[in-house]
Amino acid sequence: MKNNQLRRHLNFDHDHRERLAHYKKIVGNCGDNVFFDKNIEIMRYPENIFIGNNVVIKEGAKICTCNEKAEIHIGDNTTIGYQTFIFASDRITIGNDCLVAPFVYIVDSDHSIEKNALINEQPNINRPINIKADVWLATGAKILKGVTIEQGGVVAAGAVLSSDVAPYQIFGGIPATKISERK
């Protein structure tokens, strides 16, 4: 693994080793050298969660496959920030070498909103999310159903993303639109 400032400061102590042993037993796949911080939750169908090598999952993260067919894949060398929520009803894929900052929300479903039916009786609408390699989701970004973020894409802090991001583009705002490109 390349020199990584974040990983140099992780504490792979006894408590961490116990958490790692626990999560390796319950998730579908857990790669080598994964850091599970304290107070994270792997919810509902953990066998449908697949975690690559050298992944860091920080305190307070919640990762949930919401039904027996949903899947979440987290690629090698990716960091999931503090208090980030990842909820899949279909499929969420996060590529290699991604940075997911604190308080990011990634959800691949929402509710129907027909006016002639009660909102809590309407079905969910699910569409997969595909986040390619070398993507940065900045603090508080919201990634909504059906989005693809191509390699090198950036989503700015606080953005609400409901459209695709081309390679190396930077999106920001509510709703998120292209604001720049990586140089």
N, C-alpha and C. Protein backbone atom coordinates (compact mmCIF):
# COMPACT_ATOMS: atom_id res chain seq x y z
N MET A 1 0.84 -1.19 0.00
CA MET A 1 0.00 0.00 0.00
C MET A 1 0.88 1.24 0.00
N LYS A 2 0.46 2.22 -0.78
CA LYS A 2 1.20 3.48 -0.86
C LYS A 2 1.23 4.18 0.50
N ASN A 3 2.13 5.15 0.64
CA ASN A 3 2.19 5.97 1.84
C ASN A 3 0.85 6.70 1.98
N ASN A 4 0.16 6.49 3.08
CA ASN A 4 -1.17 7.04 3.26
C ASN A 4 -1.24 7.70 4.62
N GLN A 5 -1.42 9.01 4.65
CA GLN A 5 -1.43 9.77 5.89
C GLN A 5 -2.47 9.24 6.87
N LEU A 6 -3.67 8.94 6.41
CA LEU A 6 -4.72 8.45 7.29
C LEU A 6 -4.31 7.15 7.96
N ARG A 7 -3.84 6.20 7.19
CA ARG A 7 -3.54 4.87 7.74
C ARG A 7 -2.39 4.92 8.75
N ARG A 8 -1.49 5.87 8.63
CA ARG A 8 -0.38 5.97 9.59
C ARG A 8 -0.87 6.26 11.00
N HIS A 9 -2.07 6.84 11.12
CA HIS A 9 -2.58 7.25 12.42
C HIS A 9 -3.63 6.29 12.99
N LEU A 10 -3.90 5.20 12.31
CA LEU A 10 -4.87 4.23 12.81
C LEU A 10 -4.25 3.40 13.92
N ASN A 11 -5.08 3.02 14.87
CA ASN A 11 -4.62 2.24 16.01
C ASN A 11 -5.16 0.82 15.90
N PHE A 12 -4.34 -0.09 15.40
CA PHE A 12 -4.73 -1.49 15.26
C PHE A 12 -4.47 -2.20 16.59
N ASP A 13 -5.24 -1.84 17.63
CA ASP A 13 -5.06 -2.40 18.97
C ASP A 13 -5.92 -3.66 19.16
N HIS A 14 -5.94 -4.14 20.40
CA HIS A 14 -6.70 -5.35 20.71
C HIS A 14 -8.19 -5.19 20.38
N ASP A 15 -8.78 -4.04 20.75
CA ASP A 15 -10.20 -3.82 20.46
C ASP A 15 -10.47 -3.87 18.96
N HIS A 16 -9.58 -3.27 18.18
CA HIS A 16 -9.75 -3.32 16.73
C HIS A 16 -9.69 -4.75 16.22
N ARG A 17 -8.74 -5.51 16.70
CA ARG A 17 -8.61 -6.90 16.25
C ARG A 17 -9.85 -7.71 16.57
N GLU A 18 -10.49 -7.43 17.71
CA GLU A 18 -11.75 -8.10 18.05
C GLU A 18 -12.87 -7.69 17.10
N ARG A 19 -12.95 -6.40 16.77
CA ARG A 19 -13.97 -5.94 15.82
C ARG A 19 -13.73 -6.55 14.45
N LEU A 20 -12.48 -6.59 14.02
CA LEU A 20 -12.15 -7.17 12.72
C LEU A 20 -12.57 -8.64 12.67
N ALA A 21 -12.25 -9.40 13.71
CA ALA A 21 -12.62 -10.82 13.74
C ALA A 21 -14.14 -10.98 13.67
N HIS A 22 -14.87 -10.13 14.38
CA HIS A 22 -16.33 -10.18 14.36
C HIS A 22 -16.88 -9.91 12.95
N TYR A 23 -16.45 -8.81 12.34
CA TYR A 23 -17.00 -8.45 11.04
C TYR A 23 -16.57 -9.42 9.95
N LYS A 24 -15.38 -9.98 10.03
CA LYS A 24 -14.95 -10.98 9.04
C LYS A 24 -15.88 -12.19 9.05
N LYS A 25 -16.48 -12.49 10.20
CA LYS A 25 -17.40 -13.63 10.29
C LYS A 25 -18.76 -13.34 9.67
N ILE A 26 -19.18 -12.09 9.67
CA ILE A 26 -20.56 -11.81 9.27
C ILE A 26 -20.73 -11.22 7.88
N VAL A 27 -19.72 -10.51 7.34
CA VAL A 27 -19.89 -9.91 6.01
C VAL A 27 -19.60 -10.95 4.93
N GLY A 28 -20.09 -10.68 3.72
CA GLY A 28 -19.88 -11.60 2.61
C GLY A 28 -18.43 -11.79 2.27
N ASN A 29 -17.67 -10.72 2.32
CA ASN A 29 -16.22 -10.78 2.12
C ASN A 29 -15.58 -9.59 2.81
N CYS A 30 -14.45 -9.86 3.47
CA CYS A 30 -13.69 -8.80 4.12
C CYS A 30 -12.23 -9.01 3.76
N GLY A 31 -11.66 -8.04 3.07
CA GLY A 31 -10.28 -8.13 2.62
C GLY A 31 -9.28 -8.03 3.76
N ASP A 32 -8.02 -7.97 3.39
CA ASP A 32 -6.93 -7.86 4.35
C ASP A 32 -6.76 -6.43 4.81
N ASN A 33 -6.28 -6.28 6.06
CA ASN A 33 -5.87 -4.99 6.60
C ASN A 33 -7.02 -3.97 6.61
N VAL A 34 -8.23 -4.43 6.93
CA VAL A 34 -9.39 -3.55 7.02
C VAL A 34 -9.46 -3.00 8.44
N PHE A 35 -9.75 -1.70 8.55
CA PHE A 35 -9.88 -1.05 9.85
C PHE A 35 -11.34 -0.74 10.11
N PHE A 36 -11.93 -1.39 11.11
CA PHE A 36 -13.29 -1.11 11.57
C PHE A 36 -13.17 -0.29 12.84
N ASP A 37 -13.53 0.97 12.79
CA ASP A 37 -13.50 1.82 13.96
C ASP A 37 -14.61 1.39 14.92
N LYS A 38 -14.64 1.96 16.10
CA LYS A 38 -15.68 1.64 17.08
C LYS A 38 -17.01 2.24 16.65
N ASN A 39 -18.08 1.67 17.18
CA ASN A 39 -19.44 2.19 17.02
C ASN A 39 -19.90 2.28 15.57
N ILE A 40 -19.51 1.31 14.75
CA ILE A 40 -20.10 1.25 13.40
C ILE A 40 -21.19 0.18 13.42
N GLU A 41 -22.09 0.28 12.45
CA GLU A 41 -23.16 -0.71 12.35
C GLU A 41 -23.19 -1.29 10.94
N ILE A 42 -23.14 -2.60 10.88
CA ILE A 42 -23.35 -3.35 9.64
C ILE A 42 -24.72 -3.99 9.82
N MET A 43 -25.70 -3.58 9.02
CA MET A 43 -27.10 -3.85 9.33
C MET A 43 -27.79 -4.78 8.33
N ARG A 44 -28.78 -5.47 8.84
CA ARG A 44 -29.78 -6.32 8.19
C ARG A 44 -29.23 -7.55 7.49
N TYR A 45 -28.57 -7.43 6.36
CA TYR A 45 -28.09 -8.58 5.59
C TYR A 45 -26.58 -8.45 5.37
N PRO A 46 -25.80 -8.59 6.42
CA PRO A 46 -24.35 -8.35 6.31
C PRO A 46 -23.65 -9.27 5.33
N GLU A 47 -24.22 -10.43 5.07
CA GLU A 47 -23.60 -11.35 4.11
C GLU A 47 -23.61 -10.79 2.69
N ASN A 48 -24.35 -9.71 2.45
CA ASN A 48 -24.40 -9.07 1.13
C ASN A 48 -23.52 -7.82 1.06
N ILE A 49 -22.59 -7.71 1.99
CA ILE A 49 -21.65 -6.59 2.02
C ILE A 49 -20.25 -7.14 1.76
N PHE A 50 -19.57 -6.54 0.78
CA PHE A 50 -18.27 -7.04 0.32
C PHE A 50 -17.25 -5.90 0.42
N ILE A 51 -16.22 -6.12 1.22
CA ILE A 51 -15.25 -5.08 1.55
C ILE A 51 -13.88 -5.50 1.07
N GLY A 52 -13.21 -4.63 0.30
CA GLY A 52 -11.89 -4.92 -0.26
C GLY A 52 -10.77 -4.79 0.77
N ASN A 53 -9.55 -4.81 0.28
CA ASN A 53 -8.35 -4.70 1.11
C ASN A 53 -8.09 -3.25 1.51
N ASN A 54 -7.50 -3.08 2.69
CA ASN A 54 -7.04 -1.76 3.15
C ASN A 54 -8.14 -0.72 3.25
N VAL A 55 -9.36 -1.17 3.51
CA VAL A 55 -10.50 -0.25 3.68
C VAL A 55 -10.50 0.27 5.11
N VAL A 56 -10.90 1.52 5.27
CA VAL A 56 -11.06 2.13 6.59
C VAL A 56 -12.53 2.55 6.72
N ILE A 57 -13.17 2.08 7.79
CA ILE A 57 -14.55 2.46 8.08
C ILE A 57 -14.54 3.13 9.44
N LYS A 58 -14.80 4.44 9.44
CA LYS A 58 -14.64 5.26 10.64
C LYS A 58 -15.88 5.22 11.55
N GLU A 59 -15.68 5.73 12.76
CA GLU A 59 -16.68 5.67 13.82
C GLU A 59 -18.03 6.22 13.38
N GLY A 60 -19.09 5.52 13.77
CA GLY A 60 -20.45 5.97 13.53
C GLY A 60 -21.01 5.64 12.16
N ALA A 61 -20.21 5.04 11.28
CA ALA A 61 -20.72 4.69 9.95
C ALA A 61 -21.80 3.62 10.09
N LYS A 62 -22.81 3.71 9.22
CA LYS A 62 -23.88 2.71 9.16
C LYS A 62 -23.93 2.21 7.71
N ILE A 63 -23.80 0.90 7.56
CA ILE A 63 -23.81 0.28 6.24
C ILE A 63 -24.91 -0.78 6.26
N CYS A 64 -25.92 -0.61 5.39
CA CYS A 64 -27.11 -1.44 5.47
C CYS A 64 -27.53 -1.94 4.09
N THR A 65 -27.61 -3.26 3.96
CA THR A 65 -28.30 -3.86 2.83
C THR A 65 -29.73 -4.08 3.31
N CYS A 66 -30.67 -3.38 2.70
CA CYS A 66 -32.04 -3.26 3.23
C CYS A 66 -32.93 -4.45 2.93
N ASN A 67 -32.51 -5.34 2.05
CA ASN A 67 -33.29 -6.54 1.77
C ASN A 67 -32.33 -7.66 1.35
N GLU A 68 -32.85 -8.86 1.21
CA GLU A 68 -32.00 -10.03 0.96
C GLU A 68 -31.33 -10.02 -0.41
N LYS A 69 -31.76 -9.18 -1.34
CA LYS A 69 -31.15 -9.11 -2.67
C LYS A 69 -30.20 -7.94 -2.83
N ALA A 70 -30.24 -6.98 -1.92
CA ALA A 70 -29.40 -5.79 -2.00
C ALA A 70 -27.93 -6.16 -1.76
N GLU A 71 -27.02 -5.40 -2.39
CA GLU A 71 -25.58 -5.61 -2.21
C GLU A 71 -24.86 -4.27 -2.08
N ILE A 72 -23.78 -4.31 -1.29
CA ILE A 72 -22.86 -3.17 -1.18
C ILE A 72 -21.46 -3.71 -1.39
N HIS A 73 -20.70 -3.05 -2.29
CA HIS A 73 -19.31 -3.41 -2.57
C HIS A 73 -18.44 -2.18 -2.32
N ILE A 74 -17.41 -2.34 -1.49
CA ILE A 74 -16.48 -1.25 -1.20
C ILE A 74 -15.10 -1.70 -1.66
N GLY A 75 -14.48 -0.94 -2.57
CA GLY A 75 -13.22 -1.32 -3.18
C GLY A 75 -12.00 -1.10 -2.30
N ASP A 76 -10.88 -1.61 -2.75
CA ASP A 76 -9.61 -1.52 -2.04
C ASP A 76 -9.21 -0.08 -1.78
N ASN A 77 -8.56 0.13 -0.64
CA ASN A 77 -7.94 1.42 -0.28
C ASN A 77 -8.96 2.57 -0.19
N THR A 78 -10.20 2.24 0.11
CA THR A 78 -11.25 3.25 0.22
C THR A 78 -11.50 3.56 1.69
N THR A 79 -11.79 4.82 1.98
CA THR A 79 -12.11 5.26 3.34
C THR A 79 -13.56 5.70 3.39
N ILE A 80 -14.28 5.20 4.39
CA ILE A 80 -15.66 5.60 4.68
C ILE A 80 -15.60 6.46 5.94
N GLY A 81 -15.99 7.72 5.84
CA GLY A 81 -15.81 8.68 6.92
C GLY A 81 -16.78 8.54 8.07
N TYR A 82 -16.48 9.29 9.13
CA TYR A 82 -17.31 9.33 10.33
C TYR A 82 -18.77 9.60 9.99
N GLN A 83 -19.67 8.87 10.65
CA GLN A 83 -21.12 9.11 10.58
C GLN A 83 -21.67 9.06 9.15
N THR A 84 -21.02 8.33 8.27
CA THR A 84 -21.53 8.17 6.90
C THR A 84 -22.54 7.04 6.87
N PHE A 85 -23.62 7.22 6.12
CA PHE A 85 -24.66 6.21 5.97
C PHE A 85 -24.67 5.72 4.53
N ILE A 86 -24.64 4.39 4.37
CA ILE A 86 -24.73 3.76 3.05
C ILE A 86 -25.87 2.75 3.14
N PHE A 87 -26.98 3.01 2.42
CA PHE A 87 -28.16 2.17 2.48
C PHE A 87 -28.53 1.70 1.08
N ALA A 88 -28.47 0.38 0.86
CA ALA A 88 -28.75 -0.19 -0.46
C ALA A 88 -30.02 -1.02 -0.43
N SER A 89 -30.92 -0.72 -1.35
CA SER A 89 -32.08 -1.58 -1.61
C SER A 89 -31.88 -2.35 -2.91
N ASP A 90 -30.92 -1.92 -3.72
CA ASP A 90 -30.55 -2.59 -4.96
C ASP A 90 -29.06 -2.92 -4.89
N ARG A 91 -28.20 -2.00 -5.35
CA ARG A 91 -26.76 -2.24 -5.32
C ARG A 91 -26.02 -0.91 -5.28
N ILE A 92 -25.06 -0.82 -4.36
CA ILE A 92 -24.16 0.33 -4.29
C ILE A 92 -22.75 -0.21 -4.43
N THR A 93 -22.02 0.32 -5.40
CA THR A 93 -20.63 -0.06 -5.62
C THR A 93 -19.77 1.18 -5.45
N ILE A 94 -18.77 1.08 -4.58
CA ILE A 94 -17.79 2.15 -4.37
C ILE A 94 -16.45 1.57 -4.79
N GLY A 95 -15.78 2.22 -5.73
CA GLY A 95 -14.55 1.69 -6.32
C GLY A 95 -13.33 1.79 -5.42
N ASN A 96 -12.20 1.47 -5.99
CA ASN A 96 -10.92 1.53 -5.30
C ASN A 96 -10.46 2.97 -5.11
N ASP A 97 -9.71 3.19 -4.04
CA ASP A 97 -9.01 4.47 -3.81
C ASP A 97 -9.94 5.66 -3.70
N CYS A 98 -11.12 5.45 -3.11
CA CYS A 98 -12.09 6.54 -2.93
C CYS A 98 -12.00 7.11 -1.52
N LEU A 99 -12.36 8.38 -1.40
CA LEU A 99 -12.49 9.04 -0.11
C LEU A 99 -13.94 9.45 0.07
N VAL A 100 -14.58 8.87 1.07
CA VAL A 100 -15.94 9.23 1.43
C VAL A 100 -15.83 9.95 2.77
N ALA A 101 -16.03 11.25 2.76
CA ALA A 101 -15.82 12.11 3.93
C ALA A 101 -16.90 11.86 4.99
N PRO A 102 -16.76 12.49 6.15
CA PRO A 102 -17.78 12.36 7.19
C PRO A 102 -19.15 12.88 6.73
N PHE A 103 -20.18 12.28 7.31
CA PHE A 103 -21.57 12.71 7.16
C PHE A 103 -22.10 12.62 5.73
N VAL A 104 -21.51 11.75 4.92
CA VAL A 104 -22.03 11.51 3.57
C VAL A 104 -23.20 10.53 3.67
N TYR A 105 -24.19 10.69 2.80
CA TYR A 105 -25.37 9.82 2.76
C TYR A 105 -25.49 9.28 1.35
N ILE A 106 -25.44 7.95 1.22
CA ILE A 106 -25.55 7.29 -0.08
C ILE A 106 -26.74 6.34 0.00
N VAL A 107 -27.76 6.57 -0.82
CA VAL A 107 -28.96 5.75 -0.78
C VAL A 107 -29.46 5.51 -2.21
N ASP A 108 -29.74 4.25 -2.53
CA ASP A 108 -30.13 3.90 -3.90
C ASP A 108 -31.64 3.75 -4.08
N SER A 109 -32.42 4.33 -3.19
CA SER A 109 -33.88 4.25 -3.33
C SER A 109 -34.53 5.52 -2.78
N ASP A 110 -35.76 5.72 -3.18
CA ASP A 110 -36.61 6.72 -2.54
C ASP A 110 -38.05 6.26 -2.68
N HIS A 111 -38.98 7.05 -2.22
CA HIS A 111 -40.39 6.66 -2.20
C HIS A 111 -41.14 7.24 -3.38
N SER A 112 -42.14 6.50 -3.83
CA SER A 112 -43.07 7.06 -4.81
C SER A 112 -43.82 8.21 -4.16
N ILE A 113 -44.31 9.12 -4.99
CA ILE A 113 -44.97 10.32 -4.45
C ILE A 113 -46.28 10.63 -5.18
N GLU A 114 -47.03 9.59 -5.53
CA GLU A 114 -48.32 9.81 -6.17
C GLU A 114 -49.27 10.49 -5.18
N LYS A 115 -50.08 11.41 -5.66
CA LYS A 115 -50.93 12.17 -4.74
C LYS A 115 -52.20 11.41 -4.34
N ASN A 116 -52.59 10.39 -5.09
CA ASN A 116 -53.84 9.68 -4.79
C ASN A 116 -53.63 8.43 -3.95
N ALA A 117 -52.49 8.34 -3.26
CA ALA A 117 -52.22 7.20 -2.37
C ALA A 117 -51.42 7.71 -1.18
N LEU A 118 -51.63 7.06 -0.05
CA LEU A 118 -50.88 7.45 1.13
C LEU A 118 -49.39 7.22 0.89
N ILE A 119 -48.58 8.17 1.31
CA ILE A 119 -47.14 8.12 1.05
C ILE A 119 -46.51 6.87 1.66
N ASN A 120 -46.97 6.47 2.85
CA ASN A 120 -46.34 5.32 3.50
C ASN A 120 -46.83 3.98 2.97
N GLU A 121 -47.75 4.00 1.99
CA GLU A 121 -48.20 2.76 1.35
C GLU A 121 -47.66 2.62 -0.07
N GLN A 122 -46.88 3.60 -0.51
CA GLN A 122 -46.35 3.56 -1.88
C GLN A 122 -45.02 2.81 -1.91
N PRO A 123 -44.71 2.20 -3.02
CA PRO A 123 -43.47 1.41 -3.11
C PRO A 123 -42.22 2.29 -3.21
N ASN A 124 -41.10 1.69 -2.83
CA ASN A 124 -39.81 2.33 -3.08
C ASN A 124 -39.46 2.23 -4.55
N ILE A 125 -38.67 3.16 -5.01
CA ILE A 125 -38.10 3.13 -6.36
C ILE A 125 -36.60 2.95 -6.16
N ASN A 126 -36.05 1.85 -6.67
CA ASN A 126 -34.64 1.51 -6.47
C ASN A 126 -33.89 1.58 -7.80
N ARG A 127 -32.70 2.18 -7.77
CA ARG A 127 -31.80 2.18 -8.92
C ARG A 127 -30.37 2.17 -8.39
N PRO A 128 -29.52 1.31 -8.92
CA PRO A 128 -28.17 1.16 -8.37
C PRO A 128 -27.33 2.43 -8.48
N ILE A 129 -26.36 2.53 -7.57
CA ILE A 129 -25.37 3.61 -7.57
C ILE A 129 -24.02 2.98 -7.88
N ASN A 130 -23.29 3.61 -8.80
CA ASN A 130 -21.97 3.11 -9.18
C ASN A 130 -20.95 4.25 -9.04
N ILE A 131 -20.07 4.11 -8.06
CA ILE A 131 -19.03 5.09 -7.81
C ILE A 131 -17.71 4.45 -8.22
N LYS A 132 -17.08 4.99 -9.25
CA LYS A 132 -15.86 4.39 -9.79
C LYS A 132 -14.65 4.74 -8.94
N ALA A 133 -13.46 4.40 -9.40
CA ALA A 133 -12.22 4.58 -8.64
C ALA A 133 -11.83 6.06 -8.53
N ASP A 134 -11.06 6.37 -7.47
CA ASP A 134 -10.45 7.69 -7.29
C ASP A 134 -11.48 8.82 -7.20
N VAL A 135 -12.59 8.54 -6.51
CA VAL A 135 -13.66 9.53 -6.34
C VAL A 135 -13.58 10.09 -4.92
N TRP A 136 -13.87 11.38 -4.79
CA TRP A 136 -13.96 12.02 -3.48
C TRP A 136 -15.37 12.54 -3.31
N LEU A 137 -16.03 12.07 -2.25
CA LEU A 137 -17.33 12.59 -1.84
C LEU A 137 -17.07 13.43 -0.60
N ALA A 138 -17.18 14.74 -0.71
CA ALA A 138 -16.82 15.65 0.37
C ALA A 138 -17.90 15.66 1.47
N THR A 139 -17.56 16.26 2.58
CA THR A 139 -18.39 16.24 3.78
C THR A 139 -19.84 16.62 3.49
N GLY A 140 -20.74 15.77 3.95
CA GLY A 140 -22.17 16.06 3.86
C GLY A 140 -22.80 15.87 2.50
N ALA A 141 -22.07 15.33 1.54
CA ALA A 141 -22.66 15.09 0.22
C ALA A 141 -23.76 14.05 0.33
N LYS A 142 -24.78 14.19 -0.49
CA LYS A 142 -25.88 13.22 -0.57
C LYS A 142 -25.88 12.65 -1.99
N ILE A 143 -25.77 11.32 -2.09
CA ILE A 143 -25.73 10.64 -3.38
C ILE A 143 -27.02 9.85 -3.51
N LEU A 144 -27.82 10.17 -4.52
CA LEU A 144 -29.15 9.60 -4.66
C LEU A 144 -29.20 8.51 -5.73
N LYS A 145 -30.30 7.81 -5.77
CA LYS A 145 -30.48 6.62 -6.60
C LYS A 145 -30.12 6.85 -8.06
N GLY A 146 -29.58 5.78 -8.68
CA GLY A 146 -29.35 5.77 -10.12
C GLY A 146 -28.14 6.52 -10.61
N VAL A 147 -27.31 7.03 -9.71
CA VAL A 147 -26.18 7.87 -10.10
C VAL A 147 -24.94 7.02 -10.41
N THR A 148 -24.20 7.43 -11.42
CA THR A 148 -22.85 6.91 -11.68
C THR A 148 -21.88 8.07 -11.58
N ILE A 149 -20.85 7.89 -10.77
CA ILE A 149 -19.77 8.88 -10.66
C ILE A 149 -18.55 8.22 -11.28
N GLU A 150 -18.12 8.73 -12.42
CA GLU A 150 -17.01 8.12 -13.15
C GLU A 150 -15.68 8.38 -12.44
N GLN A 151 -14.64 7.70 -12.91
CA GLN A 151 -13.32 7.78 -12.29
C GLN A 151 -12.88 9.22 -12.10
N GLY A 152 -12.36 9.50 -10.89
CA GLY A 152 -11.80 10.80 -10.59
C GLY A 152 -12.81 11.89 -10.28
N GLY A 153 -14.10 11.56 -10.27
CA GLY A 153 -15.13 12.55 -9.99
C GLY A 153 -15.05 13.06 -8.55
N VAL A 154 -15.54 14.27 -8.35
CA VAL A 154 -15.59 14.89 -7.01
C VAL A 154 -17.00 15.45 -6.83
N VAL A 155 -17.56 15.21 -5.63
CA VAL A 155 -18.84 15.82 -5.26
C VAL A 155 -18.57 16.71 -4.06
N ALA A 156 -18.84 18.00 -4.20
CA ALA A 156 -18.49 19.01 -3.20
C ALA A 156 -19.29 18.85 -1.92
N ALA A 157 -18.78 19.45 -0.87
CA ALA A 157 -19.43 19.42 0.44
C ALA A 157 -20.86 19.92 0.36
N GLY A 158 -21.77 19.17 0.97
CA GLY A 158 -23.17 19.57 1.05
C GLY A 158 -23.98 19.38 -0.22
N ALA A 159 -23.38 18.90 -1.28
CA ALA A 159 -24.09 18.75 -2.55
C ALA A 159 -25.14 17.64 -2.46
N VAL A 160 -26.20 17.78 -3.27
CA VAL A 160 -27.21 16.73 -3.42
C VAL A 160 -27.13 16.28 -4.88
N LEU A 161 -26.60 15.07 -5.08
CA LEU A 161 -26.31 14.58 -6.43
C LEU A 161 -27.39 13.61 -6.89
N SER A 162 -28.04 13.96 -8.01
CA SER A 162 -29.06 13.08 -8.60
C SER A 162 -28.79 12.83 -10.08
N SER A 163 -27.61 13.24 -10.56
CA SER A 163 -27.25 13.02 -11.97
C SER A 163 -25.82 12.49 -12.05
N ASP A 164 -25.48 11.93 -13.19
CA ASP A 164 -24.16 11.32 -13.37
C ASP A 164 -23.06 12.37 -13.42
N VAL A 165 -21.85 11.94 -13.02
CA VAL A 165 -20.66 12.77 -13.04
C VAL A 165 -19.66 12.12 -14.00
N ALA A 166 -19.23 12.85 -15.01
CA ALA A 166 -18.26 12.34 -15.98
C ALA A 166 -16.87 12.29 -15.34
N PRO A 167 -15.92 11.59 -15.99
CA PRO A 167 -14.58 11.47 -15.40
C PRO A 167 -13.97 12.84 -15.06
N TYR A 168 -13.45 12.94 -13.84
CA TYR A 168 -12.69 14.08 -13.34
C TYR A 168 -13.49 15.38 -13.24
N GLN A 169 -14.81 15.29 -13.35
CA GLN A 169 -15.63 16.48 -13.16
C GLN A 169 -15.88 16.71 -11.67
N ILE A 170 -16.11 17.97 -11.31
CA ILE A 170 -16.45 18.36 -9.94
C ILE A 170 -17.86 18.91 -9.96
N PHE A 171 -18.72 18.31 -9.13
CA PHE A 171 -20.11 18.73 -9.03
C PHE A 171 -20.35 19.32 -7.65
N GLY A 172 -21.19 20.35 -7.56
CA GLY A 172 -21.56 20.93 -6.28
C GLY A 172 -22.91 21.60 -6.37
N GLY A 173 -23.49 21.90 -5.21
CA GLY A 173 -24.76 22.61 -5.14
C GLY A 173 -25.95 21.71 -4.89
N ILE A 174 -27.13 22.37 -4.83
CA ILE A 174 -28.39 21.67 -4.61
C ILE A 174 -29.38 22.19 -5.64
N PRO A 175 -29.74 21.42 -6.64
CA PRO A 175 -29.17 20.12 -6.98
C PRO A 175 -27.76 20.30 -7.55
N ALA A 176 -26.96 19.26 -7.42
CA ALA A 176 -25.57 19.33 -7.87
C ALA A 176 -25.49 19.45 -9.39
N THR A 177 -24.61 20.36 -9.83
CA THR A 177 -24.31 20.54 -11.25
C THR A 177 -22.79 20.67 -11.38
N LYS A 178 -22.31 20.59 -12.60
CA LYS A 178 -20.86 20.70 -12.83
C LYS A 178 -20.40 22.11 -12.46
N ILE A 179 -19.36 22.17 -11.61
CA ILE A 179 -18.79 23.48 -11.25
C ILE A 179 -17.34 23.62 -11.69
N SER A 180 -16.69 22.50 -12.00
CA SER A 180 -15.28 22.57 -12.42
C SER A 180 -14.83 21.19 -12.88
N GLU A 181 -13.53 21.07 -13.12
CA GLU A 181 -12.90 19.79 -13.44
C GLU A 181 -11.58 19.70 -12.70
N ARG A 182 -11.18 18.47 -12.39
CA ARG A 182 -9.86 18.28 -11.81
C ARG A 182 -8.82 18.61 -12.86
N LYS A 183 -7.76 19.26 -12.45
CA LYS A 183 -6.71 19.69 -13.37
C LYS A 183 -5.48 18.85 -13.19
